[in-house]
């Protein structure tokens, strides 16, 4: 007997459980590939913008460049654009309130960072959910299938292992598929969450460094 035969001979409820778990598995792998690509692109963007930022002679030029394609910017560049824009706006209103401009810039950068993180984390919690519930869904299908196998065994005139084994095998496939869906999802969830955390730390480091630069510039202008 192969897996397809076991699936076809299983009860309707067990088949529904298997199909649900297979759907979870397919969705999980799609998310894994998509998020891996997006997070890799985000990391590359951080490295590229950091290089442009620290080699720039004038931040206004960098800001104008970001402003020119503001609909397409993301990651650290988006955080920089939001912070510099808010700082410039508040500082022009009242140059004597540099601290207020810095606070506004910091809030703007943190909001931009949170939006970036929301985009990066999209669908990742689903992997954690699949990893948590798939074994239990598979176990439910197994218990249900074994229960019906023993009920059928009780109705038989002669109870033999040959009679009950196929029903139990059909039921156990549900647990196997549940583990097949859960294990990659858990591993990917932990891995992708770690990568998001590292990107978040990079964003926070940039916010601190850029805030320090803005503060030094504000102090220099006042002198």
N, C-alpha and C. Protein backbone atom coordinates (compact mmCIF):
# COMPACT_ATOMS: atom_id res chain seq x y z
N UNK A 1 0.85 -1.20 0.00
CA UNK A 1 0.00 0.00 0.00
C UNK A 1 0.88 1.24 0.00
N UNK A 2 0.55 2.20 -0.82
CA UNK A 2 1.29 3.45 -0.82
C UNK A 2 0.46 4.55 -0.18
N UNK A 3 1.06 5.72 -0.08
CA UNK A 3 0.40 6.83 0.62
C UNK A 3 -0.91 7.22 -0.06
N UNK A 4 -0.92 7.21 -1.39
CA UNK A 4 -2.14 7.59 -2.12
C UNK A 4 -3.26 6.61 -1.81
N UNK A 5 -2.93 5.30 -1.79
CA UNK A 5 -3.94 4.30 -1.46
C UNK A 5 -4.46 4.50 -0.04
N UNK A 6 -3.55 4.78 0.89
CA UNK A 6 -3.97 5.01 2.27
C UNK A 6 -4.88 6.22 2.38
N UNK A 7 -4.56 7.26 1.60
CA UNK A 7 -5.40 8.46 1.61
C UNK A 7 -6.78 8.16 1.05
N UNK A 8 -6.83 7.44 -0.08
CA UNK A 8 -8.10 7.17 -0.72
C UNK A 8 -9.00 6.25 0.11
N UNK A 9 -8.37 5.37 0.90
CA UNK A 9 -9.15 4.43 1.70
C UNK A 9 -9.52 4.98 3.07
N UNK A 10 -8.98 6.14 3.42
CA UNK A 10 -9.29 6.72 4.72
C UNK A 10 -10.70 7.29 4.71
N UNK A 11 -11.23 7.53 5.90
CA UNK A 11 -12.55 8.13 6.02
C UNK A 11 -12.56 9.57 5.55
N UNK A 12 -13.75 10.10 5.34
CA UNK A 12 -13.87 11.47 4.84
C UNK A 12 -13.24 12.49 5.78
N UNK A 13 -13.46 12.34 7.08
CA UNK A 13 -12.91 13.29 8.04
C UNK A 13 -11.39 13.24 8.04
N UNK A 14 -10.84 12.04 8.01
CA UNK A 14 -9.37 11.90 7.98
C UNK A 14 -8.82 12.48 6.68
N UNK A 15 -9.51 12.27 5.58
CA UNK A 15 -9.09 12.86 4.31
C UNK A 15 -9.11 14.38 4.39
N UNK A 16 -10.15 14.93 5.01
CA UNK A 16 -10.25 16.39 5.16
C UNK A 16 -9.08 16.92 6.00
N UNK A 17 -8.72 16.18 7.06
CA UNK A 17 -7.59 16.58 7.89
C UNK A 17 -6.30 16.57 7.08
N UNK A 18 -6.10 15.53 6.29
CA UNK A 18 -4.89 15.43 5.47
C UNK A 18 -4.81 16.58 4.46
N UNK A 19 -5.93 16.86 3.81
CA UNK A 19 -5.94 17.94 2.83
C UNK A 19 -5.67 19.29 3.48
N UNK A 20 -6.23 19.49 4.67
CA UNK A 20 -5.98 20.74 5.39
C UNK A 20 -4.50 20.88 5.73
N UNK A 21 -3.90 19.82 6.19
CA UNK A 21 -2.47 19.85 6.55
C UNK A 21 -1.59 20.06 5.32
N UNK A 22 -1.95 19.43 4.22
CA UNK A 22 -1.19 19.63 2.98
C UNK A 22 -1.31 21.08 2.50
N UNK A 23 -2.50 21.66 2.67
CA UNK A 23 -2.69 23.07 2.31
C UNK A 23 -1.81 23.96 3.19
N UNK A 24 -1.78 23.68 4.49
CA UNK A 24 -0.91 24.42 5.40
C UNK A 24 0.55 24.32 4.97
N UNK A 25 0.95 23.12 4.58
CA UNK A 25 2.34 22.91 4.17
C UNK A 25 2.69 23.71 2.93
N UNK A 26 1.81 23.68 1.93
CA UNK A 26 2.06 24.44 0.70
C UNK A 26 2.12 25.93 0.98
N UNK A 27 1.19 26.42 1.79
CA UNK A 27 1.19 27.84 2.14
C UNK A 27 2.45 28.22 2.90
N UNK A 28 2.88 27.34 3.80
CA UNK A 28 4.08 27.61 4.59
C UNK A 28 5.32 27.74 3.70
N UNK A 29 5.46 26.80 2.76
CA UNK A 29 6.63 26.86 1.88
C UNK A 29 6.59 28.10 0.99
N UNK A 30 5.40 28.50 0.56
CA UNK A 30 5.30 29.72 -0.24
C UNK A 30 5.74 30.93 0.58
N UNK A 31 5.32 30.99 1.83
CA UNK A 31 5.71 32.10 2.71
C UNK A 31 7.21 32.05 2.99
N UNK A 32 7.75 30.86 3.20
CA UNK A 32 9.18 30.73 3.48
C UNK A 32 10.01 31.29 2.33
N UNK A 33 9.69 30.90 1.11
CA UNK A 33 10.45 31.39 -0.04
C UNK A 33 10.26 32.90 -0.23
N UNK A 34 9.02 33.37 -0.05
CA UNK A 34 8.75 34.80 -0.24
C UNK A 34 9.46 35.65 0.79
N UNK A 35 9.34 35.27 2.07
CA UNK A 35 9.95 36.06 3.14
C UNK A 35 11.48 36.00 3.09
N UNK A 36 12.01 34.85 2.71
CA UNK A 36 13.47 34.73 2.60
C UNK A 36 14.00 35.71 1.55
N UNK A 37 13.30 35.80 0.43
CA UNK A 37 13.71 36.72 -0.63
C UNK A 37 13.58 38.17 -0.16
N UNK A 38 12.47 38.50 0.49
CA UNK A 38 12.24 39.88 0.94
C UNK A 38 13.24 40.29 2.01
N UNK A 39 13.52 39.42 2.95
CA UNK A 39 14.47 39.75 4.01
C UNK A 39 15.89 39.87 3.46
N UNK A 40 16.22 39.04 2.49
CA UNK A 40 17.52 39.18 1.85
C UNK A 40 17.65 40.51 1.13
N UNK A 41 16.59 40.93 0.48
CA UNK A 41 16.59 42.22 -0.21
C UNK A 41 16.69 43.36 0.80
N UNK A 42 16.01 43.23 1.95
CA UNK A 42 16.07 44.27 2.98
C UNK A 42 17.48 44.41 3.56
N UNK A 43 18.14 43.29 3.79
CA UNK A 43 19.51 43.34 4.30
C UNK A 43 20.46 43.99 3.31
N UNK A 44 20.28 43.65 2.04
CA UNK A 44 21.12 44.25 1.00
C UNK A 44 20.88 45.75 0.92
N UNK A 45 19.62 46.16 1.07
CA UNK A 45 19.29 47.58 1.03
C UNK A 45 19.93 48.34 2.18
N UNK A 46 19.96 47.72 3.36
CA UNK A 46 20.58 48.35 4.52
C UNK A 46 22.06 48.60 4.26
N UNK A 47 22.74 47.59 3.75
CA UNK A 47 24.16 47.72 3.48
C UNK A 47 24.43 48.78 2.43
N UNK A 48 23.61 48.83 1.40
CA UNK A 48 23.80 49.79 0.32
C UNK A 48 23.56 51.21 0.81
N UNK A 49 22.48 51.43 1.56
CA UNK A 49 22.19 52.79 2.02
C UNK A 49 23.20 53.24 3.08
N UNK A 50 23.62 52.34 3.94
CA UNK A 50 24.64 52.70 4.94
C UNK A 50 25.91 53.20 4.25
N UNK A 51 26.27 52.53 3.18
CA UNK A 51 27.46 52.96 2.44
C UNK A 51 27.25 54.34 1.83
N UNK A 52 26.06 54.57 1.26
CA UNK A 52 25.77 55.90 0.68
C UNK A 52 25.70 56.97 1.77
N UNK A 53 25.14 56.61 2.91
CA UNK A 53 24.95 57.58 3.99
C UNK A 53 26.29 58.04 4.56
N UNK A 54 27.16 57.10 4.85
CA UNK A 54 28.42 57.46 5.51
C UNK A 54 29.46 58.02 4.55
N UNK A 55 29.23 57.90 3.26
CA UNK A 55 30.15 58.49 2.28
C UNK A 55 29.61 59.79 1.70
N UNK A 56 28.39 60.17 2.08
CA UNK A 56 27.78 61.39 1.54
C UNK A 56 28.43 62.63 2.16
N UNK A 57 28.71 63.62 1.33
CA UNK A 57 29.27 64.87 1.82
C UNK A 57 28.19 65.80 2.36
N UNK A 58 27.00 65.68 1.84
CA UNK A 58 25.90 66.55 2.24
C UNK A 58 24.62 65.72 2.36
N UNK A 59 24.02 65.71 3.56
CA UNK A 59 22.80 64.94 3.77
C UNK A 59 21.63 65.51 2.99
N UNK A 60 21.68 66.79 2.67
CA UNK A 60 20.60 67.39 1.88
C UNK A 60 20.53 66.78 0.49
N UNK A 61 21.70 66.46 -0.06
CA UNK A 61 21.73 65.83 -1.38
C UNK A 61 21.13 64.43 -1.29
N UNK A 62 21.46 63.73 -0.22
CA UNK A 62 20.91 62.38 -0.02
C UNK A 62 19.40 62.45 0.19
N UNK A 63 18.95 63.47 0.91
CA UNK A 63 17.51 63.65 1.13
C UNK A 63 16.79 63.96 -0.18
N UNK A 64 17.36 64.84 -0.98
CA UNK A 64 16.74 65.20 -2.26
C UNK A 64 16.65 63.97 -3.19
N UNK A 65 17.66 63.12 -3.12
CA UNK A 65 17.64 61.91 -3.93
C UNK A 65 16.53 60.98 -3.48
N UNK A 66 16.36 60.86 -2.16
CA UNK A 66 15.28 60.01 -1.63
C UNK A 66 13.91 60.62 -1.94
N UNK A 67 13.84 61.93 -1.89
CA UNK A 67 12.57 62.61 -2.16
C UNK A 67 12.14 62.42 -3.61
N UNK A 68 13.12 62.31 -4.49
CA UNK A 68 12.82 62.18 -5.92
C UNK A 68 12.08 60.88 -6.22
N UNK A 69 12.39 59.82 -5.45
CA UNK A 69 11.68 58.55 -5.65
C UNK A 69 11.12 58.04 -4.32
N UNK A 70 10.45 58.94 -3.61
CA UNK A 70 9.96 58.62 -2.27
C UNK A 70 8.91 57.51 -2.27
N UNK A 71 8.24 57.29 -3.39
CA UNK A 71 7.25 56.22 -3.45
C UNK A 71 7.88 54.84 -3.48
N UNK A 72 9.16 54.78 -3.79
CA UNK A 72 9.84 53.50 -3.95
C UNK A 72 10.80 53.18 -2.82
N UNK A 73 11.10 54.16 -1.97
CA UNK A 73 12.10 53.94 -0.92
C UNK A 73 11.57 53.01 0.16
N UNK A 74 12.47 52.33 0.82
CA UNK A 74 12.10 51.41 1.88
C UNK A 74 13.28 51.24 2.82
N UNK A 75 13.04 50.57 3.92
CA UNK A 75 14.11 50.25 4.84
C UNK A 75 14.74 51.46 5.48
N UNK A 76 16.07 51.45 5.57
CA UNK A 76 16.81 52.53 6.22
C UNK A 76 16.62 53.86 5.49
N UNK A 77 16.52 53.81 4.19
CA UNK A 77 16.32 55.04 3.42
C UNK A 77 14.99 55.69 3.78
N UNK A 78 13.97 54.88 3.96
CA UNK A 78 12.66 55.39 4.38
C UNK A 78 12.74 56.03 5.76
N UNK A 79 13.46 55.40 6.68
CA UNK A 79 13.63 55.94 8.03
C UNK A 79 14.38 57.26 7.97
N UNK A 80 15.45 57.30 7.19
CA UNK A 80 16.22 58.54 7.03
C UNK A 80 15.36 59.66 6.46
N UNK A 81 14.62 59.35 5.41
CA UNK A 81 13.78 60.36 4.77
C UNK A 81 12.75 60.93 5.74
N UNK A 82 12.09 60.05 6.50
CA UNK A 82 11.06 60.49 7.45
C UNK A 82 11.67 61.35 8.54
N UNK A 83 12.81 60.93 9.08
CA UNK A 83 13.45 61.68 10.16
C UNK A 83 13.97 63.03 9.70
N UNK A 84 14.64 63.07 8.57
CA UNK A 84 15.22 64.32 8.08
C UNK A 84 14.13 65.31 7.67
N UNK A 85 13.08 64.79 7.07
CA UNK A 85 11.97 65.65 6.66
C UNK A 85 11.30 66.31 7.86
N UNK A 86 11.05 65.52 8.92
CA UNK A 86 10.39 66.06 10.10
C UNK A 86 11.30 67.03 10.84
N UNK A 87 12.58 66.70 10.91
CA UNK A 87 13.52 67.60 11.58
C UNK A 87 13.62 68.94 10.86
N UNK A 88 13.73 68.89 9.53
CA UNK A 88 13.83 70.13 8.75
C UNK A 88 12.58 70.99 8.90
N UNK A 89 11.43 70.33 8.88
CA UNK A 89 10.17 71.08 8.99
C UNK A 89 10.05 71.77 10.35
N UNK A 90 10.32 71.05 11.42
CA UNK A 90 10.19 71.63 12.75
C UNK A 90 11.28 72.65 13.03
N UNK A 91 12.47 72.41 12.51
CA UNK A 91 13.58 73.34 12.77
C UNK A 91 13.37 74.66 12.04
N UNK A 92 12.75 74.60 10.86
CA UNK A 92 12.47 75.84 10.13
C UNK A 92 11.39 76.66 10.82
N UNK A 93 10.46 75.98 11.47
CA UNK A 93 9.40 76.69 12.19
C UNK A 93 9.97 77.46 13.37
N UNK A 94 10.85 76.81 14.12
CA UNK A 94 11.43 77.47 15.30
C UNK A 94 12.86 76.96 15.51
N UNK A 95 13.86 77.67 14.98
CA UNK A 95 15.25 77.22 15.12
C UNK A 95 15.73 77.18 16.57
N UNK A 96 15.07 77.89 17.45
CA UNK A 96 15.47 77.91 18.85
C UNK A 96 14.98 76.69 19.62
N UNK A 97 14.16 75.88 19.01
CA UNK A 97 13.62 74.69 19.66
C UNK A 97 14.19 73.43 19.00
N UNK A 98 15.51 73.33 19.02
CA UNK A 98 16.17 72.21 18.37
C UNK A 98 15.80 70.88 19.03
N UNK A 99 15.66 70.89 20.36
CA UNK A 99 15.32 69.65 21.06
C UNK A 99 13.95 69.12 20.64
N UNK A 100 13.02 70.06 20.45
CA UNK A 100 11.69 69.66 19.99
C UNK A 100 11.75 69.06 18.59
N UNK A 101 12.57 69.65 17.73
CA UNK A 101 12.74 69.12 16.38
C UNK A 101 13.36 67.73 16.41
N UNK A 102 14.32 67.52 17.32
CA UNK A 102 14.95 66.21 17.44
C UNK A 102 13.96 65.16 17.94
N UNK A 103 13.13 65.55 18.89
CA UNK A 103 12.13 64.61 19.41
C UNK A 103 11.13 64.23 18.31
N UNK A 104 10.70 65.24 17.55
CA UNK A 104 9.77 64.96 16.46
C UNK A 104 10.39 64.08 15.40
N UNK A 105 11.66 64.32 15.10
CA UNK A 105 12.37 63.50 14.12
C UNK A 105 12.49 62.05 14.60
N UNK A 106 12.79 61.90 15.90
CA UNK A 106 12.92 60.55 16.46
C UNK A 106 11.60 59.79 16.39
N UNK A 107 10.50 60.47 16.74
CA UNK A 107 9.19 59.82 16.66
C UNK A 107 8.86 59.42 15.23
N UNK A 108 9.18 60.30 14.29
CA UNK A 108 8.89 60.01 12.88
C UNK A 108 9.70 58.81 12.40
N UNK A 109 10.95 58.73 12.81
CA UNK A 109 11.79 57.60 12.39
C UNK A 109 11.31 56.29 12.99
N UNK A 110 10.87 56.33 14.23
CA UNK A 110 10.37 55.11 14.86
C UNK A 110 9.07 54.64 14.21
N UNK A 111 8.22 55.58 13.83
CA UNK A 111 7.00 55.19 13.11
C UNK A 111 7.33 54.57 11.76
N UNK A 112 8.29 55.16 11.07
CA UNK A 112 8.71 54.61 9.79
C UNK A 112 9.32 53.21 9.97
N UNK A 113 10.10 53.04 11.03
CA UNK A 113 10.69 51.74 11.31
C UNK A 113 9.61 50.69 11.59
N UNK A 114 8.61 51.07 12.36
CA UNK A 114 7.53 50.13 12.67
C UNK A 114 6.78 49.72 11.41
N UNK A 115 6.58 50.66 10.50
CA UNK A 115 5.92 50.31 9.24
C UNK A 115 6.78 49.34 8.42
N UNK A 116 8.08 49.57 8.42
CA UNK A 116 8.98 48.68 7.70
C UNK A 116 8.96 47.28 8.31
N UNK A 117 8.97 47.21 9.64
CA UNK A 117 8.96 45.91 10.31
C UNK A 117 7.65 45.18 10.08
N UNK A 118 6.55 45.92 10.04
CA UNK A 118 5.25 45.29 9.75
C UNK A 118 5.27 44.62 8.37
N UNK A 119 5.91 45.29 7.42
CA UNK A 119 5.99 44.71 6.07
C UNK A 119 6.89 43.47 6.05
N UNK A 120 7.98 43.53 6.82
CA UNK A 120 8.92 42.41 6.83
C UNK A 120 8.33 41.20 7.55
N UNK A 121 7.54 41.44 8.59
CA UNK A 121 6.99 40.36 9.40
C UNK A 121 5.70 39.78 8.83
N UNK A 122 5.23 40.34 7.73
CA UNK A 122 3.97 39.89 7.16
C UNK A 122 3.98 38.39 6.88
N UNK A 123 2.97 37.70 7.39
CA UNK A 123 2.76 36.25 7.20
C UNK A 123 3.69 35.36 8.03
N UNK A 124 4.74 35.91 8.62
CA UNK A 124 5.64 35.06 9.42
C UNK A 124 4.92 34.45 10.62
N UNK A 125 4.05 35.19 11.34
CA UNK A 125 3.32 34.54 12.45
C UNK A 125 2.50 33.33 12.01
N UNK A 126 2.08 33.30 10.74
CA UNK A 126 1.33 32.14 10.25
C UNK A 126 2.17 30.87 10.34
N UNK A 127 3.49 30.99 10.12
CA UNK A 127 4.37 29.83 10.24
C UNK A 127 4.38 29.30 11.66
N UNK A 128 4.40 30.22 12.63
CA UNK A 128 4.35 29.80 14.02
C UNK A 128 3.05 29.10 14.35
N UNK A 129 1.96 29.60 13.79
CA UNK A 129 0.66 28.97 14.01
C UNK A 129 0.62 27.57 13.42
N UNK A 130 1.12 27.43 12.20
CA UNK A 130 1.14 26.11 11.56
C UNK A 130 2.00 25.14 12.36
N UNK A 131 3.15 25.62 12.82
CA UNK A 131 4.02 24.77 13.60
C UNK A 131 3.41 24.33 14.92
N UNK A 132 2.54 25.18 15.47
CA UNK A 132 1.92 24.86 16.76
C UNK A 132 0.74 23.92 16.65
N UNK A 133 -0.10 24.13 15.63
CA UNK A 133 -1.36 23.39 15.60
C UNK A 133 -1.35 22.17 14.68
N UNK A 134 -0.43 22.12 13.73
CA UNK A 134 -0.45 21.00 12.77
C UNK A 134 -0.31 19.63 13.42
N UNK A 135 0.61 19.45 14.38
CA UNK A 135 0.69 18.11 15.01
C UNK A 135 -0.61 17.70 15.70
N UNK A 136 -1.30 18.67 16.29
CA UNK A 136 -2.54 18.35 17.00
C UNK A 136 -3.67 18.03 16.02
N UNK A 137 -3.68 18.76 14.89
CA UNK A 137 -4.69 18.45 13.87
C UNK A 137 -4.44 17.05 13.30
N UNK A 138 -3.17 16.75 13.05
CA UNK A 138 -2.84 15.41 12.57
C UNK A 138 -3.17 14.34 13.59
N UNK A 139 -2.92 14.63 14.85
CA UNK A 139 -3.24 13.67 15.91
C UNK A 139 -4.74 13.44 16.02
N UNK A 140 -5.51 14.51 15.82
CA UNK A 140 -6.96 14.37 15.82
C UNK A 140 -7.41 13.41 14.72
N UNK A 141 -6.85 13.59 13.52
CA UNK A 141 -7.20 12.69 12.42
C UNK A 141 -6.80 11.25 12.71
N UNK A 142 -5.65 11.09 13.38
CA UNK A 142 -5.19 9.75 13.72
C UNK A 142 -6.12 9.09 14.74
N UNK A 143 -6.45 9.82 15.79
CA UNK A 143 -7.33 9.27 16.82
C UNK A 143 -8.67 8.89 16.22
N UNK A 144 -9.20 9.76 15.37
CA UNK A 144 -10.50 9.47 14.74
C UNK A 144 -10.41 8.22 13.86
N UNK A 145 -9.33 8.12 13.09
CA UNK A 145 -9.19 6.96 12.21
C UNK A 145 -9.00 5.67 12.98
N UNK A 146 -8.19 5.70 14.04
CA UNK A 146 -7.99 4.50 14.85
C UNK A 146 -9.28 4.08 15.54
N UNK A 147 -10.04 5.08 16.00
CA UNK A 147 -11.32 4.77 16.65
C UNK A 147 -12.23 4.01 15.70
N UNK A 148 -12.31 4.47 14.46
CA UNK A 148 -13.16 3.78 13.48
C UNK A 148 -12.58 2.43 13.10
N UNK A 149 -11.25 2.30 13.11
CA UNK A 149 -10.64 1.00 12.80
C UNK A 149 -11.00 -0.03 13.86
N UNK A 150 -10.99 0.36 15.12
CA UNK A 150 -11.35 -0.57 16.19
C UNK A 150 -12.85 -0.86 16.22
N UNK A 151 -13.64 0.14 15.84
CA UNK A 151 -15.08 -0.12 15.75
C UNK A 151 -15.35 -1.18 14.68
N UNK A 152 -14.67 -1.03 13.55
CA UNK A 152 -14.82 -2.03 12.47
C UNK A 152 -14.31 -3.38 12.92
N UNK A 153 -13.23 -3.38 13.72
CA UNK A 153 -12.68 -4.64 14.22
C UNK A 153 -13.67 -5.34 15.15
N UNK A 154 -14.37 -4.52 15.95
CA UNK A 154 -15.35 -5.10 16.87
C UNK A 154 -16.53 -5.72 16.15
N UNK A 155 -16.84 -5.24 14.97
CA UNK A 155 -17.96 -5.76 14.21
C UNK A 155 -17.58 -6.99 13.38
N UNK A 156 -16.27 -7.25 13.27
CA UNK A 156 -15.82 -8.39 12.46
C UNK A 156 -16.00 -9.70 13.23
N UNK A 157 -16.20 -10.77 12.49
CA UNK A 157 -16.38 -12.07 13.12
C UNK A 157 -15.06 -12.60 13.68
N UNK A 158 -13.97 -12.29 12.96
CA UNK A 158 -12.67 -12.76 13.41
C UNK A 158 -11.71 -11.59 13.46
N UNK A 159 -11.18 -11.27 14.63
CA UNK A 159 -10.28 -10.13 14.82
C UNK A 159 -8.86 -10.57 14.54
N UNK A 160 -8.26 -9.99 13.51
CA UNK A 160 -6.87 -10.29 13.17
C UNK A 160 -6.12 -8.98 12.93
N UNK A 161 -4.79 -9.06 13.06
CA UNK A 161 -3.97 -7.88 12.81
C UNK A 161 -4.07 -7.44 11.36
N UNK A 162 -4.20 -8.40 10.47
CA UNK A 162 -4.33 -8.08 9.05
C UNK A 162 -5.58 -7.26 8.78
N UNK A 163 -6.60 -7.47 9.56
CA UNK A 163 -7.85 -6.76 9.36
C UNK A 163 -7.78 -5.31 9.85
N UNK A 164 -7.09 -5.09 10.98
CA UNK A 164 -7.08 -3.76 11.58
C UNK A 164 -5.90 -2.92 11.13
N UNK A 165 -4.82 -3.55 10.65
CA UNK A 165 -3.60 -2.81 10.30
C UNK A 165 -3.82 -1.73 9.24
N UNK A 166 -4.54 -2.01 8.14
CA UNK A 166 -4.71 -0.95 7.14
C UNK A 166 -5.42 0.29 7.69
N UNK A 167 -6.43 0.08 8.51
CA UNK A 167 -7.14 1.23 9.09
C UNK A 167 -6.25 2.07 9.99
N UNK A 168 -5.42 1.39 10.78
CA UNK A 168 -4.50 2.13 11.66
C UNK A 168 -3.45 2.86 10.83
N UNK A 169 -2.94 2.20 9.78
CA UNK A 169 -1.96 2.85 8.91
C UNK A 169 -2.52 4.09 8.25
N UNK A 170 -3.76 4.01 7.79
CA UNK A 170 -4.42 5.17 7.19
C UNK A 170 -4.50 6.32 8.18
N UNK A 171 -4.82 5.98 9.43
CA UNK A 171 -4.96 7.02 10.44
C UNK A 171 -3.61 7.65 10.79
N UNK A 172 -2.56 6.83 10.86
CA UNK A 172 -1.25 7.34 11.24
C UNK A 172 -0.66 8.27 10.19
N UNK A 173 -1.10 8.13 8.96
CA UNK A 173 -0.63 9.04 7.91
C UNK A 173 -0.98 10.49 8.27
N UNK A 174 -2.10 10.71 8.92
CA UNK A 174 -2.50 12.07 9.30
C UNK A 174 -1.47 12.69 10.24
N UNK A 175 -0.99 11.92 11.21
CA UNK A 175 0.04 12.43 12.12
C UNK A 175 1.33 12.72 11.37
N UNK A 176 1.69 11.83 10.44
CA UNK A 176 2.91 12.04 9.66
C UNK A 176 2.83 13.33 8.84
N UNK A 177 1.68 13.56 8.22
CA UNK A 177 1.52 14.79 7.43
C UNK A 177 1.53 16.02 8.34
N UNK A 178 0.96 15.87 9.55
CA UNK A 178 0.99 16.98 10.50
C UNK A 178 2.41 17.36 10.87
N UNK A 179 3.26 16.37 11.10
CA UNK A 179 4.67 16.64 11.40
C UNK A 179 5.39 17.20 10.18
N UNK A 180 5.04 16.68 9.01
CA UNK A 180 5.63 17.17 7.77
C UNK A 180 5.34 18.66 7.57
N UNK A 181 4.15 19.10 7.97
CA UNK A 181 3.80 20.52 7.85
C UNK A 181 4.41 21.35 8.97
N UNK A 182 4.50 20.77 10.17
CA UNK A 182 4.90 21.54 11.35
C UNK A 182 6.40 21.79 11.42
N UNK A 183 7.20 20.77 11.16
CA UNK A 183 8.65 20.89 11.38
C UNK A 183 9.29 21.98 10.53
N UNK A 184 9.08 22.02 9.20
CA UNK A 184 9.67 23.12 8.42
C UNK A 184 9.12 24.49 8.84
N UNK A 185 7.83 24.53 9.20
CA UNK A 185 7.23 25.81 9.60
C UNK A 185 7.89 26.35 10.86
N UNK A 186 8.14 25.48 11.84
CA UNK A 186 8.77 25.92 13.09
C UNK A 186 10.20 26.39 12.84
N UNK A 187 10.94 25.60 12.07
CA UNK A 187 12.33 25.97 11.78
C UNK A 187 12.39 27.31 11.03
N UNK A 188 11.52 27.46 10.04
CA UNK A 188 11.51 28.71 9.27
C UNK A 188 11.06 29.88 10.12
N UNK A 189 10.07 29.66 10.98
CA UNK A 189 9.59 30.74 11.84
C UNK A 189 10.72 31.27 12.73
N UNK A 190 11.45 30.36 13.35
CA UNK A 190 12.55 30.78 14.22
C UNK A 190 13.64 31.49 13.43
N UNK A 191 13.97 30.95 12.27
CA UNK A 191 15.03 31.54 11.45
C UNK A 191 14.63 32.91 10.92
N UNK A 192 13.43 33.03 10.39
CA UNK A 192 12.98 34.30 9.82
C UNK A 192 12.78 35.35 10.92
N UNK A 193 12.28 34.94 12.07
CA UNK A 193 12.11 35.87 13.19
C UNK A 193 13.45 36.41 13.65
N UNK A 194 14.47 35.56 13.65
CA UNK A 194 15.81 36.01 14.03
C UNK A 194 16.34 37.02 13.02
N UNK A 195 16.10 36.78 11.75
CA UNK A 195 16.56 37.73 10.72
C UNK A 195 15.84 39.06 10.83
N UNK A 196 14.54 39.02 11.14
CA UNK A 196 13.80 40.27 11.34
C UNK A 196 14.35 41.03 12.54
N UNK A 197 14.68 40.32 13.62
CA UNK A 197 15.23 40.95 14.82
C UNK A 197 16.56 41.63 14.51
N UNK A 198 17.38 41.00 13.70
CA UNK A 198 18.66 41.60 13.33
C UNK A 198 18.47 42.85 12.48
N UNK A 199 17.51 42.79 11.57
CA UNK A 199 17.22 43.97 10.76
C UNK A 199 16.68 45.10 11.63
N UNK A 200 15.82 44.74 12.59
CA UNK A 200 15.29 45.75 13.52
C UNK A 200 16.43 46.41 14.30
N UNK A 201 17.40 45.62 14.73
CA UNK A 201 18.53 46.18 15.46
C UNK A 201 19.34 47.12 14.57
N UNK A 202 19.46 46.78 13.31
CA UNK A 202 20.16 47.66 12.36
C UNK A 202 19.42 48.98 12.22
N UNK A 203 18.09 48.91 12.15
CA UNK A 203 17.29 50.13 12.08
C UNK A 203 17.48 50.99 13.33
N UNK A 204 17.43 50.35 14.48
CA UNK A 204 17.60 51.10 15.74
C UNK A 204 18.98 51.74 15.83
N UNK A 205 20.00 51.02 15.39
CA UNK A 205 21.35 51.59 15.40
C UNK A 205 21.43 52.81 14.50
N UNK A 206 20.80 52.71 13.33
CA UNK A 206 20.82 53.86 12.43
C UNK A 206 20.08 55.05 13.03
N UNK A 207 18.94 54.80 13.66
CA UNK A 207 18.19 55.89 14.28
C UNK A 207 19.02 56.60 15.34
N UNK A 208 19.71 55.83 16.17
CA UNK A 208 20.56 56.44 17.21
C UNK A 208 21.70 57.25 16.59
N UNK A 209 22.34 56.70 15.58
CA UNK A 209 23.46 57.39 14.95
C UNK A 209 23.01 58.65 14.22
N UNK A 210 21.88 58.54 13.50
CA UNK A 210 21.38 59.70 12.77
C UNK A 210 20.89 60.78 13.72
N UNK A 211 20.26 60.39 14.82
CA UNK A 211 19.82 61.37 15.82
C UNK A 211 21.00 62.12 16.40
N UNK A 212 22.10 61.42 16.63
CA UNK A 212 23.30 62.07 17.16
C UNK A 212 23.86 63.07 16.16
N UNK A 213 23.81 62.71 14.87
CA UNK A 213 24.29 63.64 13.84
C UNK A 213 23.43 64.89 13.79
N UNK A 214 22.12 64.71 13.83
CA UNK A 214 21.22 65.86 13.80
C UNK A 214 21.43 66.75 15.02
N UNK A 215 21.66 66.14 16.16
CA UNK A 215 21.89 66.92 17.37
C UNK A 215 23.17 67.74 17.27
N UNK A 216 24.23 67.14 16.74
CA UNK A 216 25.49 67.87 16.59
C UNK A 216 25.33 69.01 15.60
N UNK A 217 24.59 68.79 14.52
CA UNK A 217 24.37 69.86 13.55
C UNK A 217 23.56 71.00 14.16
N UNK A 218 22.55 70.67 14.95
CA UNK A 218 21.73 71.70 15.60
C UNK A 218 22.56 72.53 16.56
N UNK A 219 23.44 71.88 17.31
CA UNK A 219 24.30 72.59 18.25
C UNK A 219 25.29 73.48 17.51
N UNK A 220 25.83 72.96 16.40
CA UNK A 220 26.80 73.75 15.64
C UNK A 220 26.15 74.99 15.04
N UNK A 221 24.90 74.88 14.57
CA UNK A 221 24.22 76.03 13.98
C UNK A 221 23.95 77.09 15.03
N UNK A 222 23.59 76.69 16.22
CA UNK A 222 23.30 77.65 17.29
C UNK A 222 24.56 78.40 17.72
N UNK A 223 25.71 77.75 17.64
CA UNK A 223 26.95 78.43 18.01
C UNK A 223 27.38 79.42 16.93
